[in-house]
Amino acid sequence: MMRHTHRRLGVTAFGLVLLAVMLFPIYWVGVASLETSDQIFHAPPYVLPPTPTFAPYDAALAVMGRYMLNSGIIAGGTVLLSLALGAPAAYAMTHLRLRVAAFLVVLLLLVTQMFPDIMLATPLFIIFNRLHLINSYAGLILANATGGVPFVILVLRAYLLTVPIALTEAAWADGASLFGAFWRVIIPVAFPGVVTASVFVLLGAWGDFTYGVTLTTDNSIQPVSVGLYHFIGQYSIEWNNLMAAAVLTALPTFIVLVVAQRYVSAGLTLGAVKG
């Protein structure tokens, strides 16, 4: 019993140390966002801001407001498009018993997740340039959806495999159409899986940098990941304003994760039963 107790204490202590190491950069960003430029370069560095100031947040918000709005539009549009295309596809692969479902999932969808965005950026730029989608929300939404749609299909397919097909057949027996059974029965039952897929697609689109740089040249359309470079000059960096902008950029995603945490946990757990 003593040895077991000591082992548990050791594992707990190791976990706490590892957690402190992982959270330290976040803590340091928060501290730097409340300091002046002189205080940031003070030696030794301050553990806590001696005279906290919210001036960096005022400066960051004045610049980042437009970028955050852009990212909100892009991320929201990407989620809607990915769900509109991916959810019916996942439903068809699981409850309609398509013969090509295994081939599509294993060969096409999984392979698409292996390509980094930088490999697709140049071809998409050429295509979107001819379609006049450069410097447009539509272009950025479509670009992010190239990864969002396959991800939604993979996540929802794994989740829908846990939903009895008898539910769909019962809806058909009651007179529901193919789409009616999907919308009124399957979507409510698979709501945790839908939220899980939506959250991860939202996070990916919100933090996108590759497409934000490649497919835009106009500051008024760029996302927050590109907007952070506003505080990085050729000869100097406004560290306190940059840290404040980083906090503001991370805050919406933090709120989304906190609100959707229980749905994400349920979606990942149930979706892992079958694949």
C-alpha atoms as a PDB file:
ATOM      1  CA  MET A   1       0.000   0.000   0.000  1.00  0.00           C
ATOM      2  CA  MET A   2       2.810   2.412   0.855  1.00  0.00           C
ATOM      3  CA  ARG A   3       4.601   1.657  -2.407  1.00  0.00           C
ATOM      4  CA  HIS A   4       1.360   2.148  -4.353  1.00  0.00           C
ATOM      5  CA  THR A   5       0.725   5.457  -2.556  1.00  0.00           C
ATOM      6  CA  HIS A   6       4.255   6.702  -3.248  1.00  0.00           C
ATOM      7  CA  ARG A   7       3.905   5.748  -6.914  1.00  0.00           C
ATOM      8  CA  ARG A   8       0.645   7.680  -7.208  1.00  0.00           C
ATOM      9  CA  LEU A   9       2.189  10.702  -5.523  1.00  0.00           C
ATOM     10  CA  GLY A  10       5.161  10.523  -7.873  1.00  0.00           C
ATOM     11  CA  VAL A  11       2.939  10.304 -10.947  1.00  0.00           C
ATOM     12  CA  THR A  12       0.807  13.194  -9.671  1.00  0.00           C
ATOM     13  CA  ALA A  13       3.872  15.352  -8.980  1.00  0.00           C
ATOM     14  CA  PHE A  14       5.274  14.590 -12.421  1.00  0.00           C
ATOM     15  CA  GLY A  15       1.920  15.487 -13.995  1.00  0.00           C
ATOM     16  CA  LEU A  16       1.787  18.787 -12.124  1.00  0.00           C
ATOM     17  CA  VAL A  17       5.326  19.682 -13.204  1.00  0.00           C
ATOM     18  CA  LEU A  18       4.517  18.795 -16.814  1.00  0.00           C
ATOM     19  CA  LEU A  19       1.317  20.860 -16.635  1.00  0.00           C
ATOM     20  CA  ALA A  20       3.220  23.849 -15.220  1.00  0.00           C
ATOM     21  CA  VAL A  21       5.763  23.623 -18.062  1.00  0.00           C
ATOM     22  CA  MET A  22       2.982  23.493 -20.661  1.00  0.00           C
ATOM     23  CA  LEU A  23       1.046  26.405 -19.136  1.00  0.00           C
ATOM     24  CA  PHE A  24       4.065  28.639 -18.515  1.00  0.00           C
ATOM     25  CA  PRO A  25       4.072  30.180 -22.041  1.00  0.00           C
ATOM     26  CA  ILE A  26       0.387  31.071 -21.619  1.00  0.00           C
ATOM     27  CA  TYR A  27       1.113  32.629 -18.246  1.00  0.00           C
ATOM     28  CA  TRP A  28       4.015  34.621 -19.706  1.00  0.00           C
ATOM     29  CA  VAL A  29       1.887  35.910 -22.568  1.00  0.00           C
ATOM     30  CA  GLY A  30      -0.702  37.100 -20.048  1.00  0.00           C
ATOM     31  CA  VAL A  31       1.932  38.841 -17.912  1.00  0.00           C
ATOM     32  CA  ALA A  32       3.589  40.524 -20.916  1.00  0.00           C
ATOM     33  CA  SER A  33       0.217  41.765 -22.176  1.00  0.00           C
ATOM     34  CA  LEU A  34      -0.194  43.798 -18.976  1.00  0.00           C
ATOM     35  CA  GLU A  35       3.260  45.419 -18.987  1.00  0.00           C
ATOM     36  CA  THR A  36       4.779  48.432 -20.667  1.00  0.00           C
ATOM     37  CA  SER A  37       7.615  48.084 -23.151  1.00  0.00           C
ATOM     38  CA  ASP A  38      10.185  49.055 -20.502  1.00  0.00           C
ATOM     39  CA  GLN A  39       8.825  46.521 -18.009  1.00  0.00           C
ATOM     40  CA  ILE A  40       8.994  43.684 -20.543  1.00  0.00           C
ATOM     41  CA  PHE A  41      12.750  44.185 -20.994  1.00  0.00           C
ATOM     42  CA  HIS A  42      13.448  44.652 -17.304  1.00  0.00           C
ATOM     43  CA  ALA A  43      16.218  42.456 -15.892  1.00  0.00           C
ATOM     44  CA  PRO A  44      15.438  40.306 -14.025  1.00  0.00           C
ATOM     45  CA  PRO A  45      11.970  39.896 -15.563  1.00  0.00           C
ATOM     46  CA  TYR A  46       8.941  40.579 -13.422  1.00  0.00           C
ATOM     47  CA  VAL A  47       6.998  37.559 -12.236  1.00  0.00           C
ATOM     48  CA  LEU A  48       3.916  39.780 -11.987  1.00  0.00           C
ATOM     49  CA  PRO A  49       3.399  43.197 -13.605  1.00  0.00           C
ATOM     50  CA  PRO A  50       4.442  45.845 -11.050  1.00  0.00           C
ATOM     51  CA  THR A  51       1.916  48.343 -12.434  1.00  0.00           C
ATOM     52  CA  PRO A  52      -0.565  46.470 -14.686  1.00  0.00           C
ATOM     53  CA  THR A  53      -1.849  48.466 -17.625  1.00  0.00           C
ATOM     54  CA  PHE A  54      -4.594  47.711 -20.128  1.00  0.00           C
ATOM     55  CA  ALA A  55      -3.180  50.106 -22.724  1.00  0.00           C
ATOM     56  CA  PRO A  56      -1.821  47.176 -24.815  1.00  0.00           C
ATOM     57  CA  TYR A  57      -5.340  45.730 -25.008  1.00  0.00           C
ATOM     58  CA  ASP A  58      -6.720  49.059 -26.198  1.00  0.00           C
ATOM     59  CA  ALA A  59      -4.058  49.220 -28.906  1.00  0.00           C
ATOM     60  CA  ALA A  60      -4.564  45.577 -29.870  1.00  0.00           C
ATOM     61  CA  LEU A  61      -8.347  45.805 -29.993  1.00  0.00           C
ATOM     62  CA  ALA A  62      -8.195  48.892 -32.196  1.00  0.00           C
ATOM     63  CA  VAL A  63      -6.217  46.894 -34.760  1.00  0.00           C
ATOM     64  CA  MET A  64      -7.485  43.337 -34.301  1.00  0.00           C
ATOM     65  CA  GLY A  65     -11.221  44.047 -34.313  1.00  0.00           C
ATOM     66  CA  ARG A  66     -11.461  43.862 -38.099  1.00  0.00           C
ATOM     67  CA  TYR A  67      -9.207  40.798 -38.314  1.00  0.00           C
ATOM     68  CA  MET A  68     -11.272  38.968 -35.685  1.00  0.00           C
ATOM     69  CA  LEU A  69     -14.452  39.755 -37.598  1.00  0.00           C
ATOM     70  CA  ASN A  70     -12.834  38.353 -40.751  1.00  0.00           C
ATOM     71  CA  SER A  71     -11.827  35.161 -38.967  1.00  0.00           C
ATOM     72  CA  GLY A  72     -15.304  34.820 -37.492  1.00  0.00           C
ATOM     73  CA  ILE A  73     -16.887  35.024 -40.944  1.00  0.00           C
ATOM     74  CA  ILE A  74     -14.339  32.634 -42.452  1.00  0.00           C
ATOM     75  CA  ALA A  75     -14.528  30.103 -39.617  1.00  0.00           C
ATOM     76  CA  GLY A  76     -18.323  30.222 -39.444  1.00  0.00           C
ATOM     77  CA  GLY A  77     -18.669  29.828 -43.201  1.00  0.00           C
ATOM     78  CA  THR A  78     -16.198  26.949 -43.209  1.00  0.00           C
ATOM     79  CA  VAL A  79     -18.133  25.113 -40.494  1.00  0.00           C
ATOM     80  CA  LEU A  80     -21.466  25.574 -42.297  1.00  0.00           C
ATOM     81  CA  LEU A  81     -20.081  24.457 -45.655  1.00  0.00           C
ATOM     82  CA  SER A  82     -18.231  21.485 -44.152  1.00  0.00           C
ATOM     83  CA  LEU A  83     -21.337  20.306 -42.293  1.00  0.00           C
ATOM     84  CA  ALA A  84     -23.612  20.869 -45.297  1.00  0.00           C
ATOM     85  CA  LEU A  85     -21.411  18.618 -47.457  1.00  0.00           C
ATOM     86  CA  GLY A  86     -19.855  16.286 -44.903  1.00  0.00           C
ATOM     87  CA  ALA A  87     -22.833  15.326 -42.725  1.00  0.00           C
ATOM     88  CA  PRO A  88     -25.023  13.953 -45.578  1.00  0.00           C
ATOM     89  CA  ALA A  89     -21.978  12.119 -46.982  1.00  0.00           C
ATOM     90  CA  ALA A  90     -21.284  10.469 -43.617  1.00  0.00           C
ATOM     91  CA  TYR A  91     -24.961   9.544 -43.331  1.00  0.00           C
ATOM     92  CA  ALA A  92     -24.925   7.942 -46.783  1.00  0.00           C
ATOM     93  CA  MET A  93     -21.779   5.953 -46.007  1.00  0.00           C
ATOM     94  CA  THR A  94     -23.185   4.481 -42.813  1.00  0.00           C
ATOM     95  CA  HIS A  95     -26.972   4.131 -43.169  1.00  0.00           C
ATOM     96  CA  LEU A  96     -27.359   3.649 -46.905  1.00  0.00           C
ATOM     97  CA  ARG A  97     -24.776   0.862 -47.115  1.00  0.00           C
ATOM     98  CA  LEU A  98     -22.951   2.227 -50.133  1.00  0.00           C
ATOM     99  CA  ARG A  99     -20.536  -0.299 -51.581  1.00  0.00           C
ATOM    100  CA  VAL A 100     -17.864   2.266 -52.220  1.00  0.00           C
ATOM    101  CA  ALA A 101     -17.988   3.679 -48.675  1.00  0.00           C
ATOM    102  CA  ALA A 102     -14.940   1.785 -47.420  1.00  0.00           C
ATOM    103  CA  PHE A 103     -12.939   2.788 -50.489  1.00  0.00           C
ATOM    104  CA  LEU A 104     -13.896   6.446 -50.176  1.00  0.00           C
ATOM    105  CA  VAL A 105     -13.099   6.616 -46.464  1.00  0.00           C
ATOM    106  CA  VAL A 106      -9.851   4.661 -46.399  1.00  0.00           C
ATOM    107  CA  LEU A 107      -8.304   5.766 -49.677  1.00  0.00           C
ATOM    108  CA  LEU A 108      -9.683   9.200 -50.463  1.00  0.00           C
ATOM    109  CA  LEU A 109     -10.653  10.849 -47.178  1.00  0.00           C
ATOM    110  CA  LEU A 110      -7.743   9.648 -45.074  1.00  0.00           C
ATOM    111  CA  VAL A 111      -5.247  10.480 -47.801  1.00  0.00           C
ATOM    112  CA  THR A 112      -6.563  14.028 -48.088  1.00  0.00           C
ATOM    113  CA  GLN A 113      -5.785  14.586 -44.401  1.00  0.00           C
ATOM    114  CA  MET A 114      -2.119  13.756 -45.047  1.00  0.00           C
ATOM    115  CA  PHE A 115      -1.513  16.695 -47.375  1.00  0.00           C
ATOM    116  CA  PRO A 116      -0.333  19.861 -45.594  1.00  0.00           C
ATOM    117  CA  ASP A 117      -2.045  23.107 -46.514  1.00  0.00           C
ATOM    118  CA  ILE A 118       1.113  24.495 -48.074  1.00  0.00           C
ATOM    119  CA  MET A 119       0.945  21.822 -50.806  1.00  0.00           C
ATOM    120  CA  LEU A 120      -2.562  22.924 -51.759  1.00  0.00           C
ATOM    121  CA  ALA A 121      -1.990  26.666 -51.452  1.00  0.00           C
ATOM    122  CA  THR A 122      -0.346  27.182 -54.852  1.00  0.00           C
ATOM    123  CA  PRO A 123      -2.842  25.125 -56.904  1.00  0.00           C
ATOM    124  CA  LEU A 124      -5.733  26.808 -55.085  1.00  0.00           C
ATOM    125  CA  PHE A 125      -4.235  30.231 -55.754  1.00  0.00           C
ATOM    126  CA  ILE A 126      -4.068  29.492 -59.493  1.00  0.00           C
ATOM    127  CA  ILE A 127      -7.643  28.185 -59.574  1.00  0.00           C
ATOM    128  CA  PHE A 128      -9.096  30.928 -57.397  1.00  0.00           C
ATOM    129  CA  ASN A 129      -7.249  33.609 -59.336  1.00  0.00           C
ATOM    130  CA  ARG A 130      -9.003  32.486 -62.511  1.00  0.00           C
ATOM    131  CA  LEU A 131     -12.323  32.350 -60.685  1.00  0.00           C
ATOM    132  CA  HIS A 132     -11.759  35.827 -59.170  1.00  0.00           C
ATOM    133  CA  LEU A 133     -11.892  34.458 -55.622  1.00  0.00           C
ATOM    134  CA  ILE A 134      -8.655  36.040 -54.416  1.00  0.00           C
ATOM    135  CA  ASN A 135      -9.255  38.557 -51.606  1.00  0.00           C
ATOM    136  CA  SER A 136     -12.733  37.193 -50.896  1.00  0.00           C
ATOM    137  CA  TYR A 137     -14.429  35.430 -48.017  1.00  0.00           C
ATOM    138  CA  ALA A 138     -15.710  32.787 -50.418  1.00  0.00           C
ATOM    139  CA  GLY A 139     -12.186  31.877 -51.498  1.00  0.00           C
ATOM    140  CA  LEU A 140     -10.913  31.511 -47.929  1.00  0.00           C
ATOM    141  CA  ILE A 141     -13.990  29.517 -46.894  1.00  0.00           C
ATOM    142  CA  LEU A 142     -13.619  27.133 -49.829  1.00  0.00           C
ATOM    143  CA  ALA A 143      -9.897  26.734 -49.162  1.00  0.00           C
ATOM    144  CA  ASN A 144     -10.423  25.862 -45.501  1.00  0.00           C
ATOM    145  CA  ALA A 145     -13.294  23.543 -46.408  1.00  0.00           C
ATOM    146  CA  THR A 146     -10.903  21.388 -48.451  1.00  0.00           C
ATOM    147  CA  GLY A 147      -9.728  20.005 -45.140  1.00  0.00           C
ATOM    148  CA  GLY A 148     -12.929  20.581 -43.186  1.00  0.00           C
ATOM    149  CA  VAL A 149     -15.233  18.443 -45.339  1.00  0.00           C
ATOM    150  CA  PRO A 150     -13.126  15.241 -45.188  1.00  0.00           C
ATOM    151  CA  PHE A 151     -12.614  15.735 -41.454  1.00  0.00           C
ATOM    152  CA  VAL A 152     -16.365  16.084 -40.837  1.00  0.00           C
ATOM    153  CA  ILE A 153     -17.051  12.948 -42.860  1.00  0.00           C
ATOM    154  CA  LEU A 154     -14.470  10.919 -40.952  1.00  0.00           C
ATOM    155  CA  VAL A 155     -15.643  12.072 -37.521  1.00  0.00           C
ATOM    156  CA  LEU A 156     -19.373  11.762 -38.209  1.00  0.00           C
ATOM    157  CA  ARG A 157     -18.999   8.416 -39.961  1.00  0.00           C
ATOM    158  CA  ALA A 158     -17.283   6.984 -36.887  1.00  0.00           C
ATOM    159  CA  TYR A 159     -20.047   8.418 -34.702  1.00  0.00           C
ATOM    160  CA  LEU A 160     -22.952   7.343 -36.923  1.00  0.00           C
ATOM    161  CA  LEU A 161     -21.701   3.773 -36.898  1.00  0.00           C
ATOM    162  CA  THR A 162     -22.823   3.694 -33.254  1.00  0.00           C
ATOM    163  CA  VAL A 163     -26.356   4.835 -34.181  1.00  0.00           C
ATOM    164  CA  PRO A 164     -28.656   1.847 -34.886  1.00  0.00           C
ATOM    165  CA  ILE A 165     -29.845   1.734 -38.480  1.00  0.00           C
ATOM    166  CA  ALA A 166     -33.220   0.712 -37.056  1.00  0.00           C
ATOM    167  CA  LEU A 167     -33.838   4.388 -36.256  1.00  0.00           C
ATOM    168  CA  THR A 168     -33.589   5.288 -39.925  1.00  0.00           C
ATOM    169  CA  GLU A 169     -35.741   2.353 -40.979  1.00  0.00           C
ATOM    170  CA  ALA A 170     -38.386   3.278 -38.380  1.00  0.00           C
ATOM    171  CA  ALA A 171     -38.457   6.842 -39.723  1.00  0.00           C
ATOM    172  CA  TRP A 172     -38.914   5.503 -43.259  1.00  0.00           C
ATOM    173  CA  ALA A 173     -41.709   3.238 -42.047  1.00  0.00           C
ATOM    174  CA  ASP A 174     -43.457   6.279 -40.547  1.00  0.00           C
ATOM    175  CA  GLY A 175     -43.380   7.989 -43.920  1.00  0.00           C
ATOM    176  CA  ALA A 176     -40.279  10.142 -43.552  1.00  0.00           C
ATOM    177  CA  SER A 177     -38.288  10.847 -46.688  1.00  0.00           C
ATOM    178  CA  LEU A 178     -34.590  10.109 -47.023  1.00  0.00           C
ATOM    179  CA  PHE A 179     -33.681  13.656 -46.077  1.00  0.00           C
ATOM    180  CA  GLY A 180     -36.423  13.827 -43.469  1.00  0.00           C
ATOM    181  CA  ALA A 181     -35.008  10.822 -41.614  1.00  0.00           C
ATOM    182  CA  PHE A 182     -31.559  12.372 -41.766  1.00  0.00           C
ATOM    183  CA  TRP A 183     -32.662  15.821 -40.544  1.00  0.00           C
ATOM    184  CA  ARG A 184     -35.284  14.885 -37.949  1.00  0.00           C
ATOM    185  CA  VAL A 185     -33.830  11.660 -36.539  1.00  0.00           C
ATOM    186  CA  ILE A 186     -30.132  11.215 -37.266  1.00  0.00           C
ATOM    187  CA  ILE A 187     -28.922  14.778 -36.684  1.00  0.00           C
ATOM    188  CA  PRO A 188     -30.540  15.132 -33.219  1.00  0.00           C
ATOM    189  CA  VAL A 189     -29.188  11.726 -32.166  1.00  0.00           C
ATOM    190  CA  ALA A 190     -25.729  12.507 -33.532  1.00  0.00           C
ATOM    191  CA  PHE A 191     -25.644  16.034 -32.088  1.00  0.00           C
ATOM    192  CA  PRO A 192     -22.496  15.433 -29.943  1.00  0.00           C
ATOM    193  CA  GLY A 193     -20.673  14.180 -33.038  1.00  0.00           C
ATOM    194  CA  VAL A 194     -21.826  17.198 -35.041  1.00  0.00           C
ATOM    195  CA  VAL A 195     -20.608  19.565 -32.322  1.00  0.00           C
ATOM    196  CA  THR A 196     -17.269  17.725 -32.088  1.00  0.00           C
ATOM    197  CA  ALA A 197     -16.641  17.981 -35.822  1.00  0.00           C
ATOM    198  CA  SER A 198     -17.799  21.616 -35.867  1.00  0.00           C
ATOM    199  CA  VAL A 199     -15.479  22.645 -33.034  1.00  0.00           C
ATOM    200  CA  PHE A 200     -12.369  21.157 -34.633  1.00  0.00           C
ATOM    201  CA  VAL A 201     -13.189  22.613 -38.043  1.00  0.00           C
ATOM    202  CA  LEU A 202     -13.833  25.978 -36.394  1.00  0.00           C
ATOM    203  CA  LEU A 203     -10.479  25.894 -34.584  1.00  0.00           C
ATOM    204  CA  GLY A 204      -8.648  24.968 -37.765  1.00  0.00           C
ATOM    205  CA  ALA A 205     -10.270  27.734 -39.805  1.00  0.00           C
ATOM    206  CA  TRP A 206      -9.848  30.335 -37.040  1.00  0.00           C
ATOM    207  CA  GLY A 207      -6.116  29.646 -36.755  1.00  0.00           C
ATOM    208  CA  ASP A 208      -5.443  29.274 -40.473  1.00  0.00           C
ATOM    209  CA  PHE A 209      -2.351  31.134 -41.627  1.00  0.00           C
ATOM    210  CA  THR A 210      -1.330  29.490 -44.909  1.00  0.00           C
ATOM    211  CA  TYR A 211      -4.447  30.357 -46.895  1.00  0.00           C
ATOM    212  CA  GLY A 212      -4.723  33.719 -45.148  1.00  0.00           C
ATOM    213  CA  VAL A 213      -1.325  34.701 -46.553  1.00  0.00           C
ATOM    214  CA  THR A 214      -1.575  32.964 -49.920  1.00  0.00           C
ATOM    215  CA  LEU A 215      -5.076  33.925 -51.001  1.00  0.00           C
ATOM    216  CA  THR A 216      -5.195  37.512 -49.729  1.00  0.00           C
ATOM    217  CA  THR A 217      -3.312  40.704 -50.448  1.00  0.00           C
ATOM    218  CA  ASP A 218      -5.856  43.091 -48.922  1.00  0.00           C
ATOM    219  CA  ASN A 219      -5.607  43.764 -45.177  1.00  0.00           C
ATOM    220  CA  SER A 220      -9.372  44.220 -44.928  1.00  0.00           C
ATOM    221  CA  ILE A 221      -9.985  40.527 -45.699  1.00  0.00           C
ATOM    222  CA  GLN A 222      -7.120  38.855 -43.810  1.00  0.00           C
ATOM    223  CA  PRO A 223      -7.696  36.640 -40.711  1.00  0.00           C
ATOM    224  CA  VAL A 224      -6.317  37.158 -37.208  1.00  0.00           C
ATOM    225  CA  SER A 225      -3.318  34.895 -37.754  1.00  0.00           C
ATOM    226  CA  VAL A 226      -2.051  37.325 -40.386  1.00  0.00           C
ATOM    227  CA  GLY A 227      -3.234  40.386 -38.466  1.00  0.00           C
ATOM    228  CA  LEU A 228      -0.819  39.605 -35.619  1.00  0.00           C
ATOM    229  CA  TYR A 229       2.021  40.656 -37.908  1.00  0.00           C
ATOM    230  CA  HIS A 230       0.773  44.225 -37.695  1.00  0.00           C
ATOM    231  CA  PHE A 231       2.766  44.569 -34.472  1.00  0.00           C
ATOM    232  CA  ILE A 232       5.957  43.147 -35.975  1.00  0.00           C
ATOM    233  CA  GLY A 233       7.952  45.864 -37.707  1.00  0.00           C
ATOM    234  CA  GLN A 234      11.137  45.737 -39.720  1.00  0.00           C
ATOM    235  CA  TYR A 235      13.316  46.977 -36.885  1.00  0.00           C
ATOM    236  CA  SER A 236      11.217  46.496 -33.748  1.00  0.00           C
ATOM    237  CA  ILE A 237       8.384  44.449 -32.263  1.00  0.00           C
ATOM    238  CA  GLU A 238       5.644  45.840 -30.041  1.00  0.00           C
ATOM    239  CA  TRP A 239       5.802  42.899 -27.650  1.00  0.00           C
ATOM    240  CA  ASN A 240       3.191  44.033 -25.156  1.00  0.00           C
ATOM    241  CA  ASN A 241       0.664  44.909 -27.878  1.00  0.00           C
ATOM    242  CA  LEU A 242       1.459  41.652 -29.674  1.00  0.00           C
ATOM    243  CA  MET A 243       0.880  39.626 -26.516  1.00  0.00           C
ATOM    244  CA  ALA A 244      -2.397  41.439 -25.880  1.00  0.00           C
ATOM    245  CA  ALA A 245      -3.469  40.704 -29.452  1.00  0.00           C
ATOM    246  CA  ALA A 246      -2.569  37.041 -28.927  1.00  0.00           C
ATOM    247  CA  VAL A 247      -4.780  36.896 -25.828  1.00  0.00           C
ATOM    248  CA  LEU A 248      -7.686  38.498 -27.691  1.00  0.00           C
ATOM    249  CA  THR A 249      -7.188  36.079 -30.583  1.00  0.00           C
ATOM    250  CA  ALA A 250      -7.246  33.018 -28.325  1.00  0.00           C
ATOM    251  CA  LEU A 251     -10.194  34.162 -26.207  1.00  0.00           C
ATOM    252  CA  PRO A 252     -13.029  33.229 -28.649  1.00  0.00           C
ATOM    253  CA  THR A 253     -11.673  29.714 -29.188  1.00  0.00           C
ATOM    254  CA  PHE A 254     -11.264  29.288 -25.436  1.00  0.00           C
ATOM    255  CA  ILE A 255     -14.908  30.232 -24.901  1.00  0.00           C
ATOM    256  CA  VAL A 256     -16.043  27.836 -27.636  1.00  0.00           C
ATOM    257  CA  LEU A 257     -14.092  24.964 -26.085  1.00  0.00           C
ATOM    258  CA  VAL A 258     -15.454  25.651 -22.608  1.00  0.00           C
ATOM    259  CA  VAL A 259     -19.063  25.816 -23.839  1.00  0.00           C
ATOM    260  CA  ALA A 260     -18.793  22.726 -26.072  1.00  0.00           C
ATOM    261  CA  GLN A 261     -16.549  20.649 -23.798  1.00  0.00           C
ATOM    262  CA  ARG A 262     -19.135  18.090 -22.719  1.00  0.00           C
ATOM    263  CA  TYR A 263     -20.358  17.563 -26.284  1.00  0.00           C
ATOM    264  CA  VAL A 264     -16.809  17.164 -27.578  1.00  0.00           C
ATOM    265  CA  SER A 265     -15.999  14.596 -24.880  1.00  0.00           C
ATOM    266  CA  ALA A 266     -19.137  12.603 -25.708  1.00  0.00           C
ATOM    267  CA  GLY A 267     -18.518  12.835 -29.446  1.00  0.00           C
ATOM    268  CA  LEU A 268     -14.921  11.645 -29.246  1.00  0.00           C
ATOM    269  CA  THR A 269     -15.729   8.839 -26.802  1.00  0.00           C
ATOM    270  CA  LEU A 270     -18.702   7.388 -28.687  1.00  0.00           C
ATOM    271  CA  GLY A 271     -17.068   7.916 -32.062  1.00  0.00           C
ATOM    272  CA  ALA A 272     -14.097   5.829 -30.951  1.00  0.00           C
ATOM    273  CA  VAL A 273     -16.220   2.714 -30.419  1.00  0.00           C
ATOM    274  CA  LYS A 274     -16.370   1.921 -34.124  1.00  0.00           C
ATOM    275  CA  GLY A 275     -14.358   3.211 -37.055  1.00  0.00           C
END
